[in-house]
């Protein structure tokens, strides 16, 4: 089950008093325990209500009220979202929390479970449940990222050196199969691949690309290209020529209606590239 754990506000928190270094350190240690236990999904502190606003709904319509708000005990100064097995587990974890407002006479945590679909009974029709699932899926995927993973059929290390020279790549990590903390399953690797690159990641500009030799020399690249955007035409021509060395030019750099300088090439590892200077071409 999912629960929200709210840190109730106090006069001191509403006055904007910041936590001490000691409290921050204790809370950081507590958060690390929560993360290690796989419980913490989210958490944050909140500014005092003087920086907030309320929207009031009534029969006469809506009205907007600027903070601060007087009912201190009805306000929250921070929160966690935890994934737990039961309210009992949530309460036990809450008991382990450092006093969130040690400078006040007393402070409170409030723990409440999220509604689950079954809590709504027949009022949550199958159509509404499906729409709720779509919303949840879309929300969850907003933090997702899609990256490129290239398999070089035994030439990964050579490719990394090439991209370092041709495109200014920085290699952040590289591990060979024989360095893996877990043994590679028997028969998985082609003979002679034991010293090949199991996994690597490298950066070109702000983009991270992952790479490997794969398990054999059968991998090929087709039906895709990496789009490399640079902001100056001179840089585009330099990197285009460097990447094309030993490969082939599929489209010479030229003006197009969507770019003042655009071209396509396939490098010597058979990886396709598009080199783009952003912006419409000027006449």
Foldseek 3Di string as FASTA:
>chain_A
DKKKKFWAFDPCQLVVDDDDPVLVVQQVVLVVVQVVVVWWDDKDFAHHQQQDKDWDQDPVGIDIGGDDDDPRRVHTGMMTMTDDDDVVVVVVSVVVRDQNCVVDPHIDMDMDGDDDPPVVPVVCPPVNVVVVVVVVVVVVCVPPDDAAEEAQFQCVVVVQVLCCVLQVKDKDDWDAQCRDPDHDDPPQADPPRRRFTQKTWIDRVHGIHIYGNGRHNPDADDDDAAEAEDADQVSLVRSVVSQQVLWFWPFAWDADQQARTWGWTQGNSRHIYIYGHGDGHDD
